[in-house]
Protein backbone atom coordinates (compact mmCIF):
# COMPACT_ATOMS: atom_id res chain seq x y z
CA MET A 1 0.00 0.00 0.00
CA LYS A 2 2.87 2.34 0.70
CA GLY A 3 4.06 2.04 -2.96
CA ILE A 4 0.65 3.12 -4.25
CA VAL A 5 0.59 6.13 -1.92
CA ASN A 6 4.03 7.20 -3.13
CA ARG A 7 2.80 7.11 -6.70
CA LEU A 8 -0.24 9.22 -5.90
CA ARG A 9 1.72 12.03 -4.28
CA PRO A 10 2.09 15.12 -6.43
CA LEU A 11 5.48 15.63 -7.97
CA GLN A 12 7.63 17.74 -5.74
CA ARG A 13 10.13 20.30 -6.77
CA PRO A 14 13.71 19.27 -6.17
CA ARG A 15 14.91 20.45 -2.82
CA ASN A 16 17.96 22.14 -4.20
CA SER A 17 16.76 24.05 -7.27
CA ARG A 18 20.05 25.89 -7.45
CA GLN A 19 21.81 22.70 -8.53
CA ARG A 20 19.21 22.25 -11.25
CA ASN A 21 19.81 25.80 -12.54
CA GLY A 22 23.52 25.03 -12.68
CA ALA A 23 22.84 21.92 -14.75
CA ALA A 24 20.75 23.97 -17.18
CA MET A 25 23.62 26.45 -17.58
CA VAL A 26 26.07 23.63 -18.32
CA GLU A 27 23.69 22.16 -20.91
CA PHE A 28 23.26 25.58 -22.49
CA ALA A 29 27.03 26.15 -22.57
CA LEU A 30 27.55 22.80 -24.29
CA CYS A 31 24.74 23.14 -26.84
CA LEU A 32 25.17 26.80 -27.82
CA PRO A 33 28.43 26.39 -29.79
CA VAL A 34 27.02 23.41 -31.69
CA PHE A 35 23.85 25.31 -32.53
CA PHE A 36 25.87 28.38 -33.54
CA LEU A 37 28.10 26.29 -35.82
CA ILE A 38 25.10 24.70 -37.53
CA ALA A 39 23.43 28.10 -37.99
CA MET A 40 26.57 29.72 -39.45
CA GLY A 41 27.15 26.73 -41.76
CA THR A 42 23.59 27.01 -43.04
CA ILE A 43 23.90 30.75 -43.64
CA GLU A 44 27.23 30.30 -45.42
CA THR A 45 25.84 27.53 -47.62
CA CYS A 46 22.92 29.76 -48.61
CA ARG A 47 25.38 32.55 -49.45
CA MET A 48 27.32 30.23 -51.78
CA ILE A 49 24.10 29.15 -53.49
CA TYR A 50 23.28 32.86 -53.94
CA LEU A 51 26.79 33.51 -55.32
CA ARG A 52 26.58 30.64 -57.79
CA GLN A 53 23.12 31.71 -59.00
CA SER A 54 24.26 35.33 -59.35
CA ILE A 55 27.24 34.48 -61.52
CA LYS A 56 25.03 32.19 -63.62
CA ILE A 57 22.56 35.05 -64.17
CA ALA A 58 25.41 37.41 -65.06
CA ALA A 59 26.87 34.91 -67.54
CA TYR A 60 23.48 34.40 -69.17
CA GLU A 61 22.68 38.10 -69.45
CA CYS A 62 26.12 38.90 -70.86
CA ALA A 63 25.93 36.07 -73.39
CA ARG A 64 22.48 37.22 -74.46
CA LEU A 65 23.80 40.75 -74.89
CA GLY A 66 26.88 39.48 -76.74
CA ILE A 67 24.91 38.04 -79.66
CA MET A 68 23.21 41.37 -80.37
CA PRO A 69 24.50 43.34 -83.34
CA GLU A 70 27.11 46.06 -82.74
CA VAL A 71 27.89 45.06 -79.13
CA THR A 72 31.45 45.61 -77.93
CA PRO A 73 33.36 43.82 -75.15
CA PRO A 74 33.11 46.91 -72.87
CA ASP A 75 29.30 46.74 -73.23
CA ILE A 76 29.40 43.14 -72.01
CA GLN A 77 31.70 44.11 -69.13
CA ASP A 78 29.35 46.94 -68.13
CA GLN A 79 26.33 44.62 -68.13
CA CYS A 80 28.16 42.14 -65.92
CA ASP A 81 29.30 44.92 -63.58
CA VAL A 82 25.72 46.13 -63.15
CA ILE A 83 24.50 42.66 -62.21
CA LEU A 84 27.35 41.52 -59.97
CA LEU A 85 28.13 44.79 -58.22
CA GLY A 86 24.43 45.23 -57.54
CA ARG A 87 24.57 41.88 -55.72
CA ASN A 88 27.74 42.77 -53.76
CA ILE A 89 29.96 40.23 -55.50
CA ALA A 90 33.63 41.13 -55.52
CA ASN A 91 36.74 40.15 -57.48
CA TYR A 92 34.97 38.43 -60.36
CA GLN A 93 36.37 37.78 -63.81
CA ILE A 94 34.57 37.65 -67.15
CA LEU A 95 35.90 35.64 -70.07
CA ASN A 96 34.32 35.91 -73.54
CA GLN A 97 34.96 33.40 -76.27
CA PRO A 98 35.57 34.78 -78.83
CA SER A 99 36.79 37.91 -77.08
CA ASP A 100 35.09 40.20 -79.60
CA PRO A 101 31.49 39.15 -80.38
CA ALA A 102 31.52 41.26 -83.58
CA THR A 103 33.55 38.49 -85.26
CA LEU A 104 30.79 35.90 -84.82
CA GLN A 105 29.04 34.49 -87.86
CA TYR A 106 25.52 33.08 -88.00
CA GLY A 107 25.35 29.72 -86.17
CA GLU A 108 28.55 30.15 -84.14
CA LEU A 109 28.51 29.96 -80.35
CA PHE A 110 29.32 32.86 -78.06
CA THR A 111 30.41 31.71 -74.61
CA VAL A 112 30.66 33.84 -71.48
CA THR A 113 32.35 32.46 -68.36
CA VAL A 114 32.10 34.28 -65.05
CA GLU A 115 34.32 33.31 -62.12
CA ALA A 116 34.23 34.56 -58.53
CA PRO A 117 36.32 33.49 -55.53
CA ALA A 118 34.19 31.84 -52.85
CA GLY A 119 36.33 32.91 -49.90
CA GLN A 120 36.31 36.60 -50.77
CA ASN A 121 32.52 36.58 -51.21
CA ALA A 122 31.72 34.63 -48.04
CA LEU A 123 30.00 36.20 -45.06
CA VAL A 124 32.18 34.67 -42.35
CA GLY A 125 35.49 34.71 -44.20
CA SER A 126 37.49 32.25 -46.17
CA TRP A 127 38.06 29.67 -43.44
CA LEU A 128 35.28 27.45 -44.79
CA TYR A 129 35.92 27.66 -48.55
CA GLY A 130 39.56 28.67 -48.71
CA ASP A 131 40.75 29.57 -52.19
CA LYS A 132 37.98 27.82 -54.14
CA THR A 133 36.54 29.62 -57.15
CA LEU A 134 32.99 29.28 -58.45
CA SER A 135 32.62 29.38 -62.21
CA GLU A 136 29.61 29.38 -64.52
CA SER A 137 29.50 29.39 -68.32
CA VAL A 138 26.71 30.09 -70.79
CA SER A 139 26.86 29.52 -74.57
CA ILE A 140 24.38 31.09 -76.97
CA MET A 141 24.26 30.66 -80.75
CA MET A 142 24.58 33.74 -82.93
CA GLU A 143 21.29 34.28 -84.78
CA TYR A 144 21.62 37.67 -86.44
């Protein structure tokens, strides 16, 4: 009968609640760095997805501009600058093949490659990506 009575008693608060608060602080101190690392890794991964998509958009827009009549390489550079600088992307390079789109004939491909260093465009620095470079290329056929 004594076992049943013990089960029916309401749960009591621990006698020394100060020890319990200390345990909660230790748990918090152990879990916070892990949570922070996961959060920063997620944010940095999203930034790299944004960087890759931005350089893909810039390559596409520059290739599309490059097949237009009477477009010069500085026009292509300006278009890329507008897109990438507007998205806060630094230290990028643009490579056109052929370098002057005015030499293209009907049916030939114009290729634009945009490269950007991952470390210099990261939010938390280059410790995660080091000296890796993201690169995207787009080829469009000359139609005019």
